Protein backbone atom coordinates (compact mmCIF):
# COMPACT_ATOMS: atom_id res chain seq x y z
CA MET A 1 29.18 -20.04 4.72
CA ALA A 2 27.13 -17.29 6.38
CA LEU A 3 23.77 -16.20 4.95
CA THR A 4 24.52 -12.51 4.22
CA SER A 5 21.89 -11.95 1.60
CA TYR A 6 18.43 -12.70 0.68
CA PRO A 7 16.83 -14.17 -2.20
CA THR A 8 14.61 -12.78 -5.25
CA LEU A 9 12.30 -15.39 -6.61
CA VAL A 10 11.37 -14.68 -10.27
CA PHE A 11 7.68 -15.51 -11.36
CA ASN A 12 6.75 -15.76 -15.21
CA SER A 13 3.56 -17.69 -15.92
CA GLY A 14 4.48 -18.11 -19.51
CA THR A 15 8.09 -19.40 -19.08
CA GLY A 16 8.32 -20.45 -15.52
CA SER A 17 7.68 -23.90 -13.84
CA ASP A 18 5.92 -24.72 -10.73
CA SER A 19 7.28 -28.22 -10.77
CA ALA A 20 10.89 -27.71 -11.79
CA ALA A 21 12.12 -24.53 -10.46
CA SER A 22 12.52 -22.65 -7.07
CA GLY A 23 12.65 -19.09 -8.66
CA ALA A 24 16.13 -18.30 -7.26
CA GLY A 25 19.37 -19.65 -8.19
CA PRO A 26 21.05 -20.52 -11.50
CA ALA A 27 19.15 -19.31 -14.64
CA THR A 28 18.66 -22.90 -15.65
CA ALA A 29 17.30 -24.74 -12.71
CA VAL A 30 18.98 -27.68 -11.11
CA THR A 31 16.52 -30.50 -10.68
CA GLY A 32 16.15 -34.10 -9.50
CA THR A 33 15.09 -35.95 -6.34
CA THR A 34 16.41 -36.14 -3.05
CA ASN A 35 17.62 -38.79 -0.86
CA ALA A 36 15.79 -39.35 2.51
CA VAL A 37 16.11 -36.57 4.97
CA THR A 38 15.01 -36.48 8.54
CA ASN A 39 14.91 -33.05 10.31
CA SER A 40 18.30 -32.29 8.98
CA THR A 41 19.71 -28.95 7.49
CA THR A 42 21.88 -31.12 5.14
CA VAL A 43 20.02 -32.21 2.00
CA THR A 44 21.49 -34.80 -0.21
CA PHE A 45 20.31 -35.38 -3.76
CA ALA A 46 20.20 -38.58 -5.72
CA GLY A 47 22.20 -38.99 -9.05
CA SER A 48 24.77 -36.33 -10.05
CA PRO A 49 23.04 -33.00 -10.16
CA ASP A 50 25.51 -30.14 -10.95
CA LEU A 51 25.58 -27.72 -8.01
CA SER A 52 28.57 -25.85 -9.15
CA GLY A 53 26.59 -22.68 -10.14
CA VAL A 54 24.69 -22.47 -6.83
CA ALA A 55 25.22 -19.31 -4.81
CA GLN A 56 26.18 -19.88 -1.05
CA ASP A 57 25.16 -16.54 0.41
CA GLY A 58 21.44 -16.84 0.84
CA THR A 59 20.50 -15.65 -2.61
CA ALA A 60 19.74 -19.33 -4.01
CA VAL A 61 16.70 -21.22 -2.88
CA LEU A 62 15.97 -24.88 -2.53
CA TRP A 63 12.48 -25.97 -3.43
CA VAL A 64 11.40 -29.48 -1.98
CA SER A 65 8.05 -30.70 -3.15
CA GLY A 66 5.70 -31.01 -0.36
CA VAL A 67 7.91 -29.06 2.09
CA GLY A 68 8.51 -25.62 0.66
CA PHE A 69 11.37 -23.14 0.08
CA VAL A 70 14.48 -22.47 2.09
CA ARG A 71 17.82 -20.51 1.55
CA ILE A 72 20.97 -22.37 0.77
CA SER A 73 24.06 -21.57 2.83
CA THR A 74 26.79 -24.17 1.29
CA VAL A 75 26.85 -26.72 -1.48
CA ASP A 76 29.08 -29.70 -1.68
CA ASN A 77 29.24 -30.63 -5.38
CA ALA A 78 31.37 -33.65 -4.70
CA ALA A 79 28.89 -34.96 -2.08
CA LYS A 80 25.88 -33.78 -4.16
CA SER A 81 24.50 -31.95 -0.96
CA CYS A 82 23.70 -28.57 0.35
CA VAL A 83 23.30 -27.03 3.88
CA VAL A 84 20.12 -24.96 4.21
CA GLU A 85 18.78 -22.38 6.70
CA ASN A 86 16.08 -24.45 8.23
CA ALA A 87 15.85 -28.30 8.72
CA VAL A 88 14.09 -30.43 6.15
CA THR A 89 12.24 -33.67 6.35
CA CYS A 90 11.26 -35.59 2.98
CA SER A 91 11.33 -39.10 1.76
CA ALA A 92 13.76 -40.42 -0.90
CA GLY A 93 12.56 -39.54 -4.41
CA THR A 94 11.04 -36.27 -3.52
CA SER A 95 11.30 -33.72 -6.33
CA PHE A 96 13.53 -30.72 -5.74
CA ALA A 97 14.65 -27.81 -7.78
CA ILE A 98 17.32 -24.72 -7.32
CA GLY A 99 16.81 -21.73 -9.58
CA GLY A 100 15.02 -21.14 -12.67
CA LYS A 101 11.65 -19.19 -12.74
CA ARG A 102 8.34 -20.32 -10.78
CA ALA A 103 5.23 -19.74 -12.97
CA THR A 104 2.19 -18.73 -10.65
CA PHE A 105 1.41 -17.65 -7.22
CA ASP A 106 -1.79 -19.76 -7.51
CA GLU A 107 -0.18 -23.09 -7.60
CA THR A 108 -0.35 -25.10 -4.28
CA GLU A 109 3.51 -25.35 -4.14
CA SER A 110 4.08 -21.56 -4.73
CA ARG A 111 1.58 -20.91 -2.06
CA ARG A 112 3.77 -22.39 0.59
CA LEU A 113 5.90 -19.18 0.04
CA PHE A 114 3.26 -17.31 2.03
CA GLY A 115 2.60 -19.69 4.77
CA ALA A 116 4.22 -19.86 8.05
CA THR A 117 7.57 -21.69 8.47
CA SER A 118 7.44 -24.79 10.83
CA ALA A 119 10.39 -26.73 10.14
CA PRO A 120 11.19 -29.39 9.08
CA THR A 121 7.89 -29.98 7.17
CA ALA A 122 6.70 -26.39 6.26
CA LEU A 123 8.99 -23.75 4.79
CA GLY A 124 8.06 -20.50 3.48
CA ALA A 125 9.45 -16.91 2.82
CA THR A 126 10.30 -14.53 5.45
CA GLY A 127 10.98 -10.82 5.65
CA GLN A 128 13.54 -9.47 3.27
CA TRP A 129 12.72 -11.94 0.60
CA THR A 130 11.48 -10.71 -2.80
CA LEU A 131 9.02 -12.24 -5.20
CA GLN A 132 9.60 -10.40 -8.55
CA LEU A 133 6.86 -10.56 -11.25
CA GLU A 134 7.73 -10.73 -14.93
CA ASP A 135 4.05 -10.93 -15.97
CA ASP A 136 0.47 -10.77 -14.39
CA GLN A 137 -0.55 -13.19 -11.65
CA ALA A 138 -4.19 -14.44 -11.71
CA THR A 139 -5.44 -16.50 -8.50
CA THR A 140 -8.54 -18.50 -8.20
CA SER A 141 -8.85 -18.20 -4.37
CA THR A 142 -7.49 -15.96 -1.58
CA ILE A 143 -3.79 -15.97 -0.70
CA THR A 144 -3.10 -15.83 3.02
CA LEU A 145 -0.19 -13.96 4.02
CA ALA A 146 0.90 -16.01 7.11
CA PHE A 147 4.66 -16.19 6.29
CA THR A 148 7.07 -15.81 9.28
CA ALA A 149 7.89 -12.09 9.75
CA GLY A 150 11.64 -12.52 10.35
CA THR A 151 13.10 -8.79 9.95
CA GLY A 152 11.99 -6.19 7.23
CA TYR A 153 9.32 -6.65 4.70
CA LEU A 154 8.46 -9.47 2.21
CA THR A 155 8.59 -7.49 -1.15
CA ILE A 156 6.37 -8.25 -3.87
CA GLN A 157 7.28 -6.19 -7.08
CA SER A 158 6.91 -5.81 -10.76
CA ASP A 159 10.26 -6.29 -12.79
CA GLY A 160 10.17 -2.87 -14.23
CA SER A 161 7.96 0.16 -14.71
CA THR A 162 5.03 -1.84 -16.12
CA ARG A 163 2.56 -2.62 -13.23
CA ARG A 164 2.00 -6.21 -13.22
CA VAL A 165 -1.60 -7.19 -12.33
CA ILE A 166 -2.38 -9.36 -9.22
CA SER A 167 -6.07 -10.57 -9.41
CA CYS A 168 -8.60 -12.95 -7.89
CA ASN A 169 -11.72 -14.34 -9.60
CA ALA A 170 -13.36 -15.85 -6.55
CA SER A 171 -16.76 -14.65 -5.73
CA GLY A 172 -16.40 -12.09 -2.98
CA ALA A 173 -12.81 -13.28 -1.99
CA ALA A 174 -10.06 -10.87 -1.07
CA ILE A 175 -6.96 -11.19 -3.12
CA PHE A 176 -4.87 -11.45 0.10
CA THR A 177 -5.82 -12.03 3.65
CA CYS A 178 -3.76 -10.92 6.61
CA ASN A 179 -3.77 -12.96 9.80
CA THR A 180 -0.27 -12.74 11.06
CA ALA A 181 1.89 -10.08 12.65
CA ASN A 182 4.14 -9.61 9.66
CA ARG A 183 4.99 -6.95 6.92
CA ALA A 184 4.50 -7.04 3.22
CA ARG A 185 5.50 -4.40 0.64
CA PHE A 186 3.97 -4.27 -2.81
CA LYS A 187 5.77 -2.07 -5.47
CA THR A 188 4.65 -1.03 -8.72
CA CYS A 189 1.65 -3.55 -8.75
CA LYS A 190 -1.97 -3.41 -9.78
CA PHE A 191 -4.68 -5.12 -7.99
CA GLN A 192 -7.72 -6.28 -9.76
CA HIS A 193 -10.83 -8.54 -9.02
CA THR A 194 -12.06 -10.43 -12.09
CA HIS A 195 -15.13 -12.06 -10.74
CA ALA A 196 -18.06 -11.06 -12.91
CA THR A 197 -20.45 -9.87 -10.27
CA VAL A 198 -19.26 -10.29 -6.79
CA LYS A 199 -15.96 -8.36 -6.00
CA GLY A 200 -13.70 -8.58 -2.99
CA TYR A 201 -11.06 -6.43 -1.51
CA ALA A 202 -7.39 -6.42 -2.36
CA PHE A 203 -6.55 -7.00 1.49
CA THR A 204 -8.65 -8.09 4.44
CA HIS A 205 -7.10 -7.65 8.03
CA SER A 206 -7.66 -9.79 10.90
CA SER A 207 -4.18 -9.26 12.75
CA THR A 208 -1.60 -6.54 12.89
CA THR A 209 -0.13 -7.12 9.53
CA VAL A 210 1.53 -4.21 7.92
CA ILE A 211 0.70 -3.79 4.25
CA GLU A 212 2.79 -1.06 2.26
CA CYS A 213 2.12 -0.21 -1.31
CA ARG A 214 4.50 2.18 -3.46
CA ASP A 215 3.53 3.14 -6.88
CA CYS A 216 0.54 0.78 -7.05
CA ILE A 217 -3.04 0.95 -8.35
CA CYS A 218 -5.95 -0.62 -6.84
CA GLY A 219 -8.90 -0.47 -9.43
CA ASP A 220 -8.77 0.83 -12.96
CA SER A 221 -9.23 4.27 -14.44
CA GLY A 222 -11.89 2.61 -16.92
CA GLY A 223 -13.69 0.84 -14.29
CA THR A 224 -12.57 -2.59 -15.35
CA ASN A 225 -12.25 -5.40 -12.80
CA CYS A 226 -12.16 -3.00 -9.79
CA PRO A 227 -12.03 -4.65 -6.33
CA SER A 228 -14.38 -3.40 -3.62
CA GLY A 229 -11.49 -1.51 -2.13
CA ILE A 230 -7.96 -1.80 -1.12
CA SER A 231 -8.31 -2.75 2.49
CA THR A 232 -11.14 -3.87 5.01
CA ARG A 233 -10.81 -5.02 8.59
CA THR A 234 -12.53 -8.30 9.61
CA GLY A 235 -11.09 -8.24 13.07
CA GLY A 236 -7.95 -7.63 15.03
CA GLY A 237 -6.00 -4.79 13.50
CA GLY A 238 -3.85 -3.99 10.51
CA THR A 239 -1.88 -1.12 9.10
CA VAL A 240 -2.02 0.13 5.57
CA ILE A 241 0.80 2.46 4.12
CA LEU A 242 0.00 3.85 0.68
CA TRP A 243 2.87 5.82 -1.09
CA ASP A 244 2.30 7.13 -4.58
CA THR A 245 -0.66 4.88 -4.96
CA SER A 246 -4.30 5.24 -6.47
CA VAL A 247 -7.40 3.50 -5.18
CA LEU A 248 -9.66 4.17 -8.15
CA ARG A 249 -13.20 3.41 -8.91
CA CYS A 250 -13.56 0.65 -6.32
CA GLY A 251 -17.12 -0.72 -5.67
CA SER A 252 -17.33 0.11 -2.09
CA ILE A 253 -15.42 2.00 0.73
CA GLY A 254 -11.76 2.56 -0.39
CA ILE A 255 -10.20 1.92 2.86
CA ASN A 256 -12.60 0.37 5.57
CA GLY A 257 -11.94 0.02 9.29
CA THR A 258 -8.12 -0.62 9.12
CA THR A 259 -6.65 0.29 12.48
CA GLN A 260 -3.87 2.66 11.10
CA VAL A 261 -3.78 4.24 7.71
CA TYR A 262 -0.87 6.30 6.38
CA LEU A 263 -1.35 8.20 3.01
CA TYR A 264 1.49 9.95 1.31
CA GLY A 265 1.12 11.48 -2.06
CA SER A 266 -1.63 8.96 -2.95
CA GLU A 267 -5.49 9.26 -4.03
CA ILE A 268 -8.68 7.42 -3.16
CA SER A 269 -11.18 8.56 -5.95
CA ARG A 270 -14.61 7.64 -7.44
CA CYS A 271 -15.22 4.72 -5.03
CA GLY A 272 -18.56 3.42 -4.35
CA GLY A 273 -18.69 4.40 -0.96
CA ALA A 274 -16.62 6.58 1.58
CA GLY A 275 -12.91 7.11 0.54
CA VAL A 276 -11.82 6.34 4.01
CA SER A 277 -14.03 4.94 6.80
CA LEU A 278 -11.88 4.25 9.77
CA GLY A 279 -14.12 3.11 12.46
CA GLY A 280 -11.80 3.42 15.51
CA GLY A 281 -8.66 3.74 13.41
CA GLU A 282 -5.89 6.17 13.20
CA LEU A 283 -5.20 8.20 10.13
CA HIS A 284 -2.24 10.23 8.94
CA ALA A 285 -2.77 11.57 5.40
CA HIS A 286 -0.36 13.92 3.87
CA ASP A 287 -0.19 15.51 0.23
CA SER A 288 -3.07 13.15 -0.90
CA ILE A 289 -6.31 13.57 -2.83
CA ILE A 290 -9.67 12.15 -1.75
CA SER A 291 -12.15 12.92 -4.31
CA HIS A 292 -15.56 12.05 -6.18
CA ASN A 293 -16.31 9.06 -3.73
CA SER A 294 -20.11 8.08 -3.10
CA GLY A 295 -20.18 9.00 0.67
CA ASP A 296 -17.79 11.04 3.02
CA GLY A 297 -14.26 11.73 1.96
CA ILE A 298 -13.15 10.67 5.46
CA ASN A 299 -15.27 9.30 8.16
CA THR A 300 -14.20 8.22 11.63
CA SER A 301 -16.20 7.16 14.75
CA ASN A 302 -13.75 6.76 17.62
CA LEU A 303 -11.61 9.80 18.38
CA GLY A 304 -13.52 10.80 21.38
CA GLY A 305 -11.37 11.25 24.52
CA SER A 306 -8.86 8.70 23.35
CA ASN A 307 -5.38 8.67 22.20
CA THR A 308 -6.41 7.66 18.74
CA PHE A 309 -5.03 10.42 16.37
CA MET A 310 -6.07 11.76 12.99
CA GLU A 311 -3.74 14.02 11.01
CA VAL A 312 -4.95 15.39 7.74
CA LYS A 313 -2.35 17.86 6.22
CA ASN A 314 -2.21 19.26 2.69
CA CYS A 315 -4.72 17.21 1.14
CA THR A 316 -7.50 17.88 -1.21
CA ILE A 317 -10.86 16.48 -0.37
CA HIS A 318 -13.18 17.31 -3.15
CA GLY A 319 -16.48 16.46 -4.72
CA ASN A 320 -17.43 13.71 -2.36
CA SER A 321 -21.23 13.02 -2.08
CA GLY A 322 -21.17 13.37 1.55
CA ASP A 323 -19.07 15.50 4.05
CA GLY A 324 -15.43 16.11 3.21
CA ILE A 325 -14.60 14.98 6.70
CA GLU A 326 -16.98 13.74 9.20
CA LEU A 327 -16.00 12.84 12.95
CA THR A 328 -18.70 11.18 14.80
CA GLY A 329 -16.99 10.42 18.10
CA ASN A 330 -17.91 12.46 21.24
CA ASN A 331 -15.43 14.87 22.89
CA VAL A 332 -12.89 14.52 19.86
CA VAL A 333 -9.37 15.55 21.14
CA GLY A 334 -6.84 14.05 18.72
CA VAL A 335 -7.31 15.86 15.55
CA MET A 336 -5.08 18.02 13.21
CA ILE A 337 -6.71 19.36 10.12
CA LEU A 338 -4.12 21.63 8.57
CA ASN A 339 -3.49 23.10 4.98
CA ASN A 340 -6.33 21.23 3.22
CA SER A 341 -8.52 22.12 0.35
CA ILE A 342 -11.98 20.79 1.30
CA THR A 343 -14.27 21.84 -1.53
CA ALA A 344 -17.43 20.81 -3.46
CA ASN A 345 -18.47 18.06 -1.20
CA GLY A 346 -22.18 17.17 -1.10
CA ALA A 347 -22.66 17.99 2.64
CA TYR A 348 -20.41 20.04 4.82
CA GLY A 349 -16.70 20.47 4.30
CA LEU A 350 -16.04 19.41 7.99
CA LYS A 351 -18.56 17.93 10.31
CA PHE A 352 -18.23 17.13 14.00
CA SER A 353 -21.49 15.27 14.87
CA GLY A 354 -20.70 13.86 18.40
CA THR A 355 -21.23 15.64 21.52
CA THR A 356 -19.06 18.44 22.44
CA PRO A 357 -16.73 19.69 23.61
CA HIS A 358 -14.09 19.05 20.92
CA PHE A 359 -10.44 20.01 20.87
CA GLY A 360 -8.13 19.87 17.96
CA ILE A 361 -6.16 21.96 15.45
CA VAL A 362 -8.29 23.04 12.48
CA GLU A 363 -6.14 25.74 10.77
CA TYR A 364 -5.27 27.27 7.32
CA ASN A 365 -7.84 25.18 5.34
CA ASN A 366 -9.87 26.25 2.37
CA PHE A 367 -13.50 25.39 2.24
CA GLY A 368 -14.36 26.86 -1.34
CA ASN A 369 -16.56 29.55 -2.54
CA ALA A 370 -19.76 29.54 -4.67
CA SER A 371 -18.32 31.80 -7.31
CA ASP A 372 -16.43 28.94 -8.73
CA SER A 373 -18.82 26.26 -7.40
CA SER A 374 -16.11 24.91 -5.00
CA ASN A 375 -18.19 25.57 -1.99
CA ASN A 376 -19.50 22.72 0.09
CA THR A 377 -23.30 22.34 -0.27
CA SER A 378 -24.31 22.43 3.26
CA GLY A 379 -21.63 24.94 4.47
CA ALA A 380 -17.93 25.12 5.44
CA ALA A 381 -18.24 23.31 8.89
CA SER A 382 -20.68 22.01 11.50
CA GLY A 383 -20.05 21.37 15.10
CA TRP A 384 -16.73 23.45 14.86
CA THR A 385 -16.23 27.19 14.75
CA LEU A 386 -13.67 27.98 12.09
CA SER A 387 -10.69 30.29 13.03
CA SER A 388 -9.71 33.20 10.87
CA THR A 389 -6.89 31.24 9.34
CA ASN A 390 -9.54 29.03 7.53
CA LEU A 391 -10.73 30.25 4.19
CA THR A 392 -13.71 30.37 2.06
CA ALA A 393 -12.06 31.30 -1.19
CA THR A 394 -12.24 30.15 -4.83
CA ALA A 395 -10.20 26.99 -5.34
CA GLY A 396 -9.17 27.85 -8.99
CA TYR A 397 -8.48 24.15 -9.77
CA THR A 398 -7.25 23.50 -13.25
CA ASP A 399 -9.74 20.76 -13.95
CA ALA A 400 -11.47 19.09 -11.00
CA THR A 401 -13.67 16.90 -13.14
CA ASN A 402 -13.63 13.27 -11.89
CA SER A 403 -11.96 11.95 -15.04
CA VAL A 404 -9.06 14.33 -14.92
CA ARG A 405 -8.55 15.47 -11.26
CA ASN A 406 -5.94 18.10 -11.88
CA PHE A 407 -6.15 19.94 -8.55
CA LYS A 408 -3.39 22.71 -9.29
CA PRO A 409 -4.95 25.66 -7.31
CA GLY A 410 -5.47 29.17 -8.27
CA THR A 411 -3.47 31.97 -6.73
CA ASN A 412 -5.76 32.31 -3.80
CA MET A 413 -4.06 29.11 -2.28
CA LYS A 414 -0.55 30.58 -3.05
CA ALA A 415 1.44 30.52 0.27
CA ALA A 416 -1.77 30.65 2.26
CA GLY A 417 -0.91 27.60 4.35
CA PHE A 418 1.21 26.97 7.39
CA PRO A 419 3.87 27.80 8.33
CA ALA A 420 2.55 31.12 7.41
CA SER A 421 4.49 33.38 4.99
CA SER A 422 3.73 36.41 6.83
CA ALA A 423 6.34 35.81 9.57
CA THR A 424 9.57 33.81 9.89
CA MET A 425 9.26 30.43 11.31
CA ALA A 426 9.34 29.27 14.93
CA ALA A 427 7.96 32.28 16.63
CA GLU A 428 9.97 34.55 14.42
CA GLN A 429 13.15 33.29 15.95
CA THR A 430 14.61 31.99 12.76
CA GLY A 431 15.52 33.70 9.50
CA SER A 432 13.46 31.16 7.63
CA THR A 433 10.25 32.08 5.68
CA SER A 434 8.09 29.21 4.28
CA TYR A 435 5.61 29.43 1.36
CA VAL A 436 3.13 26.55 1.52
CA ASP A 437 0.13 26.27 -0.73
CA ILE A 438 -3.09 24.98 0.64
CA GLY A 439 -4.07 21.57 -0.69
CA ALA A 440 -2.31 18.33 -2.14
CA VAL A 441 -0.92 20.13 -5.19
CA GLN A 442 1.55 22.77 -4.96
CA ARG A 443 1.74 25.43 -7.53
CA GLN A 444 4.83 25.62 -9.96
CA GLU A 445 5.77 29.07 -10.27
CA PRO A 446 7.42 30.41 -13.43
CA ALA A 447 11.18 30.84 -13.30
CA THR A 448 12.34 34.47 -13.16
CA ALA A 449 13.72 35.51 -16.42
CA THR A 450 17.35 36.90 -16.35
CA PRO A 451 17.44 40.60 -17.32
CA ALA A 452 19.18 41.03 -20.65
CA TRP A 453 21.61 43.60 -19.19
CA ALA A 454 22.81 40.99 -16.59
CA MET A 455 23.64 38.57 -19.16
CA PHE A 456 26.37 40.72 -20.41
CA GLY A 457 27.74 41.99 -17.07
């Protein structure tokens, strides 16, 4: 049969097995040993395993000890065999399993899922496979994400709304290292580092791996077992996409030197270094909070005269010990800083420290005011002359303390962003007027009460 679907492998360290389950297939695993197989997509089994409950659309996975994991396309219960996606080589008497639950990421056989597929002796997951966690997963060393990309993302997700913890306890080691051009998506997970003294990052990049995190936490609000940061680059490139994700109380730079960073509705707060330090990377930050970090909120060094682009829009960059945003490249051209609340930082709100001239869009931002202590210590901007669309008004946050971070703004920020509410959009050629608040948090205005006389016609 055609492989029309992809598997979800279930992990449970309490009830699963790493020696008698593949993670995807019948709830009760089919287990046994194989006959000898030599570079064939047909695998035959010794004895009389019952294959009648094995799906034949790609959702069931065969695990072969010492080889890895492969999707099943057809089964022949009479012949006690199955046809799989990739060729297999194994000796007679090799353990196999179909279905049940795997136990741990850390076990040698489970780690084959993350390795590159090289049939017939090494078989791992590919894009569009899902690894689903029913409990926390602790590792004793870094997991290398070298799986074959295929199409789409390899998804690693919790089984419900509770964020399952993925941790590492090796001194200074990353939880995951990325050295292959593939894509992994993490959903509703929490990343922690449990070594007593020397932490590591959640991800290190030495290739063009794409890591996407949705509804995830890297670190901990109480400061327990926080990694060094979520991502750092050791060579090559790498893309990090954070969607509704918090990088919180990490020990070093929150995001360090990754080639491309995309932030959507996320935060990087209370880290031990800068919030984001891009090096020569590209940044697109929207509706995100970068606050209370021990360094610049955002720092980048290589935007000078290049096509590398930095876009920071509707973000709140507050209370960082250095500049809110510092650009150290020469002749910066690819910058858009729009609709941001850049306040109470320990140096400048915005600093261009390379040689001039610089060209970019810096409009409709607020740099705070001394009357509510939201001003930046050294001033609003250095190396850039702010236009009249930029404000130095009171921010009026509900509670900007580092433990609360409720950046709902005061009325000064109401409809003060772009597109401007003073005119209809698109050079006044439309009938549409927009009302955009400055900063990451948009005000919720009270509903208009219905007059009593209107209720009765």
